[in-house]
Amino acid sequence: MLLIGIFFLQGTAPFIAVELLLFAVPHRVVHDLESVFYVLLFICIHLEGPRNTVRDPPLYGTLGRRSHPSPMKYWFTPNDLVMLGHVKCSHMFIFFEEIILPHISPYFQPLVPFIRNFWSLLHPQRTDKVVPVGSSSCHSTATGRDIVEVFKLALLDKELIKQAGQSDSTLGKRALPGDLASSQNGWDTAKVSKTAENGKRRKHY
């Protein structure tokens, strides 16, 4: 269900690749990979933990009068796509380590090294500390294979597996087909009921 959420969200303005926002270049697969990264970042900053628990204050919207400390919240306010591109370019290509990564929820902190690796594969850090001007500043040559390797490292990380096994969350736990069904929030799983009287498995949503 998490993957379905990613595919639905990646065409939303805050998750569009910076190169597309600023330069309207032809769409490439790597732009979708960058969108997946932004959706993952959004989940790790906006949510408190499993079961779609939203942080207080949330990244966008208003649960109270306080404002979320992450500048990523400004991605959800501009109506102009080019302006959004400039905002995201500044946050991600200049201040990613200083103002974006520190606001990941404590629950998702173990993923930080993999998030950092994901981003560095999309846009390798420049060693000369000079921010380039023009489309070269946000042009990525990453491939799907590169990103798959990042996910494989995370999925095979023994410490993450251990933490997932100790968690009360049903996220990350394996089950046989039909043993689990989507819960109402769509980002977690819930056990289905026992076999109904007619002999068919009945699912509760």
Foldseek 3Di string as FASTA:
>chain_A
DVVVVLVVCLVPLLLFALLCLAPVDDDDPLRSLSSSLSSVLQCQQQAQAPPRHGDVVGLDDGPDDDHQQAPSSVLPPDPRSNVSSVSCLCCQQPPVPPRRLVRGHPRCVVCSVLSVQSSCQQPPHDPVSDQDDDSVNRDGPHDPVSNVVSVVCQLPPPVNVVVVVVDPFQPPPDDDPPQWDADPVRRGIDGFDDQDPVRHTDGDD
